[in-house]
Protein backbone atom coordinates (compact mmCIF):
# COMPACT_ATOMS: atom_id res chain seq x y z
CA UNK A 1 17.47 0.10 16.95
CA UNK A 2 15.62 -1.97 14.37
CA UNK A 3 12.75 -0.46 12.45
CA UNK A 4 9.28 -1.81 13.27
CA UNK A 5 7.03 -2.39 10.25
CA UNK A 6 3.46 -1.97 11.46
CA UNK A 7 1.99 -4.14 8.71
CA UNK A 8 1.15 -7.77 8.02
CA UNK A 9 1.63 -7.22 4.27
CA UNK A 10 4.14 -9.69 2.85
CA UNK A 11 4.61 -7.33 -0.10
CA UNK A 12 5.74 -4.46 2.15
CA UNK A 13 8.15 -6.78 3.95
CA UNK A 14 9.54 -8.02 0.61
CA UNK A 15 10.05 -4.46 -0.63
CA UNK A 16 11.90 -3.41 2.53
CA UNK A 17 14.08 -6.54 2.43
CA UNK A 18 14.88 -6.00 -1.24
CA UNK A 19 16.00 -2.45 -0.39
CA UNK A 20 18.38 -3.85 2.25
CA UNK A 21 16.55 -2.41 5.25
CA UNK A 22 16.62 -4.17 8.60
CA UNK A 23 13.25 -4.42 10.33
CA UNK A 24 10.89 -6.57 12.30
CA UNK A 25 7.18 -7.00 11.68
CA UNK A 26 4.52 -6.07 14.23
CA UNK A 27 1.12 -5.96 12.48
CA UNK A 28 -1.34 -3.33 13.63
CA UNK A 29 -4.99 -4.21 13.96
CA UNK A 30 -6.98 -1.04 13.34
CA UNK A 31 -10.35 -0.16 11.83
CA UNK A 32 -9.73 0.54 8.13
CA UNK A 33 -13.24 1.61 7.19
CA UNK A 34 -13.79 4.93 5.45
CA UNK A 35 -15.30 7.58 7.70
CA UNK A 36 -18.15 9.69 6.28
CA UNK A 37 -17.12 11.89 3.36
CA UNK A 38 -13.41 11.32 3.99
CA UNK A 39 -11.21 12.13 0.99
CA UNK A 40 -9.01 9.32 -0.36
CA UNK A 41 -5.84 11.25 0.60
CA UNK A 42 -7.05 11.79 4.16
CA UNK A 43 -8.25 8.18 4.42
CA UNK A 44 -4.88 6.53 3.64
CA UNK A 45 -3.00 9.00 5.86
CA UNK A 46 -5.42 8.50 8.78
CA UNK A 47 -5.19 4.71 8.61
CA UNK A 48 -1.38 4.83 8.36
CA UNK A 49 -1.26 7.12 11.41
CA UNK A 50 -3.63 4.85 13.35
CA UNK A 51 -1.41 1.83 12.64
CA UNK A 52 1.70 3.72 13.79
CA UNK A 53 0.00 4.87 17.01
CA UNK A 54 -1.23 1.36 17.81
CA UNK A 55 2.23 -0.17 17.40
CA UNK A 56 4.05 2.81 18.94
CA UNK A 57 2.30 2.09 22.23
CA UNK A 58 3.79 -1.43 22.23
CA UNK A 59 7.32 -0.34 21.20
CA UNK A 60 8.00 3.07 22.76
CA UNK A 61 11.15 4.78 21.50
CA UNK A 62 11.51 2.50 18.46
CA UNK A 63 11.30 3.80 14.87
CA UNK A 64 7.93 2.73 13.43
CA UNK A 65 6.87 2.58 9.77
CA UNK A 66 3.24 2.14 8.80
CA UNK A 67 1.40 2.51 5.53
CA UNK A 68 -1.98 2.14 3.93
CA UNK A 69 -2.64 1.77 0.20
CA UNK A 70 -5.85 2.31 -1.75
CA UNK A 71 -6.83 2.33 -5.40
CA UNK A 72 -8.87 5.39 -6.41
CA UNK A 73 -11.10 5.70 -9.47
CA UNK A 74 -13.89 8.20 -10.04
CA UNK A 75 -13.22 9.51 -6.52
CA UNK A 76 -14.08 6.09 -5.04
CA UNK A 77 -11.77 4.17 -2.76
CA UNK A 78 -11.29 0.57 -3.86
CA UNK A 79 -9.94 -1.43 -0.95
CA UNK A 80 -9.49 -5.18 -0.80
CA UNK A 81 -12.37 -7.08 -2.42
CA UNK A 82 -14.82 -8.75 -0.06
CA UNK A 83 -15.64 -11.55 -2.53
CA UNK A 84 -14.91 -12.79 -6.04
CA UNK A 85 -17.95 -10.84 -7.25
CA UNK A 86 -16.56 -7.68 -5.65
CA UNK A 87 -13.19 -8.33 -7.35
CA UNK A 88 -14.92 -8.72 -10.73
CA UNK A 89 -16.82 -5.47 -10.16
CA UNK A 90 -13.59 -3.61 -9.33
CA UNK A 91 -11.74 -5.00 -12.35
CA UNK A 92 -14.62 -4.04 -14.68
CA UNK A 93 -14.41 -0.48 -13.33
CA UNK A 94 -10.62 -0.37 -13.91
CA UNK A 95 -10.84 -1.90 -17.41
CA UNK A 96 -9.52 0.41 -20.14
CA UNK A 97 -9.08 3.34 -17.74
CA UNK A 98 -6.55 5.11 -15.60
CA UNK A 99 -6.70 5.17 -11.83
CA UNK A 100 -4.56 6.37 -8.94
CA UNK A 101 -2.85 4.30 -6.30
CA UNK A 102 -2.38 6.23 -3.07
CA UNK A 103 -0.22 5.19 -0.15
CA UNK A 104 -0.22 7.06 3.10
CA UNK A 105 3.04 6.56 4.99
CA UNK A 106 3.64 7.35 8.65
CA UNK A 107 7.12 7.31 10.19
CA UNK A 108 7.59 7.63 13.93
CA UNK A 109 11.03 8.69 15.11
CA UNK A 110 12.67 10.46 18.03
CA UNK A 111 11.07 13.82 17.19
CA UNK A 112 7.56 12.47 16.65
CA UNK A 113 5.51 11.29 13.70
CA UNK A 114 5.68 12.49 10.11
CA UNK A 115 3.41 11.51 7.25
CA UNK A 116 3.71 11.55 3.49
CA UNK A 117 1.52 10.62 0.56
CA UNK A 118 2.59 8.81 -2.61
CA UNK A 119 0.43 8.87 -5.75
CA UNK A 120 0.97 6.72 -8.83
CA UNK A 121 -1.25 6.73 -11.91
CA UNK A 122 -1.87 3.37 -13.57
CA UNK A 123 -3.51 2.73 -16.95
CA UNK A 124 -5.24 -0.60 -17.53
CA UNK A 125 -5.90 -2.15 -20.93
CA UNK A 126 -9.52 -2.99 -21.73
CA UNK A 127 -10.40 -6.34 -20.12
CA UNK A 128 -12.84 -8.90 -21.46
CA UNK A 129 -15.21 -10.75 -19.13
CA UNK A 130 -13.17 -13.91 -19.80
CA UNK A 131 -9.93 -12.19 -18.77
CA UNK A 132 -11.55 -10.89 -15.59
CA UNK A 133 -13.00 -14.34 -14.77
CA UNK A 134 -9.60 -15.97 -15.39
CA UNK A 135 -7.78 -13.46 -13.21
CA UNK A 136 -10.24 -13.70 -10.34
CA UNK A 137 -10.03 -17.52 -10.52
CA UNK A 138 -6.25 -17.30 -9.89
CA UNK A 139 -7.03 -16.05 -6.36
CA UNK A 140 -4.50 -13.24 -6.75
CA UNK A 141 -7.01 -10.37 -6.32
CA UNK A 142 -8.24 -11.60 -2.92
CA UNK A 143 -6.12 -9.48 -0.58
CA UNK A 144 -5.08 -6.65 -2.90
CA UNK A 145 -6.34 -3.08 -2.95
CA UNK A 146 -8.25 -2.63 -6.20
CA UNK A 147 -8.30 -6.42 -6.70
CA UNK A 148 -5.01 -6.67 -8.57
CA UNK A 149 -1.28 -7.25 -8.07
CA UNK A 150 0.85 -5.28 -10.52
CA UNK A 151 3.82 -7.51 -9.67
CA UNK A 152 1.84 -10.66 -10.49
CA UNK A 153 -0.43 -11.91 -13.23
CA UNK A 154 -2.19 -8.55 -13.53
CA UNK A 155 1.02 -7.09 -14.96
CA UNK A 156 -0.28 -8.21 -18.36
CA UNK A 157 -3.15 -5.71 -18.04
CA UNK A 158 -1.04 -2.63 -17.18
CA UNK A 159 -0.35 -0.38 -20.15
CA UNK A 160 1.65 2.27 -18.29
CA UNK A 161 2.36 3.76 -14.91
CA UNK A 162 3.33 7.28 -13.94
CA UNK A 163 5.07 7.37 -10.58
CA UNK A 164 6.51 4.84 -8.17
CA UNK A 165 6.12 1.19 -9.17
CA UNK A 166 6.81 0.05 -5.60
CA UNK A 167 3.96 2.29 -4.44
CA UNK A 168 1.55 0.22 -6.54
CA UNK A 169 2.98 -2.95 -5.00
CA UNK A 170 2.26 -1.48 -1.55
CA UNK A 171 5.08 0.75 -0.33
CA UNK A 172 6.85 3.71 -2.01
CA UNK A 173 10.38 2.59 -1.11
CA UNK A 174 12.26 5.73 -2.20
CA UNK A 175 9.87 7.89 -0.16
CA UNK A 176 10.29 5.62 2.88
CA UNK A 177 14.08 5.71 2.52
CA UNK A 178 14.01 9.52 2.45
CA UNK A 179 11.84 9.58 5.56
CA UNK A 180 14.24 7.22 7.35
CA UNK A 181 17.15 9.52 6.44
CA UNK A 182 15.23 12.52 7.80
CA UNK A 183 14.77 10.91 11.20
CA UNK A 184 18.34 9.58 11.25
CA UNK A 185 17.30 5.94 11.22
CA UNK A 186 18.99 4.45 8.17
CA UNK A 187 19.07 0.83 9.18
CA UNK A 188 20.75 -1.48 6.71
CA UNK A 189 21.40 -5.19 6.66
CA UNK A 190 24.85 -6.66 6.19
CA UNK A 191 25.85 -6.96 2.53
């Protein structure tokens, strides 16, 4: 059976394809707002689980993969920016500092659902107002957690990372592969 990716993220689909995994996309529409004093870890895991449950109801018995990624700095969850001004605010906060990228992953298999959390630390170079304005004007920050794409133009701002690069893009591929092996659902494409 083919894996179901419960996500509309083109980046997640690209990462799975690049890893040679066979899947189909079935985006989940769930509320992704933070609840009360929810910790960042709990937030990404809860949203990933909600996506898996929503899609699992539509595809019973199929292996389901869902994920949710957030950028965390000073204990705050930076999701996708709501506007260019919001993107500028996020990038100013990240400028010259380190932050964490968390991805909650939920895998549904024959024996039920399992979750895992990936954490990658990213260090940004100091950014000038002109650099931030230029980057926001590219449009790249619009649908990215933390208002940046490490695989795109923002790569010029990243001094170092500690952890999974693919996690920062949107899906910790090695972790996902391990989870697929655990549930016995290694699904590969033809060479």
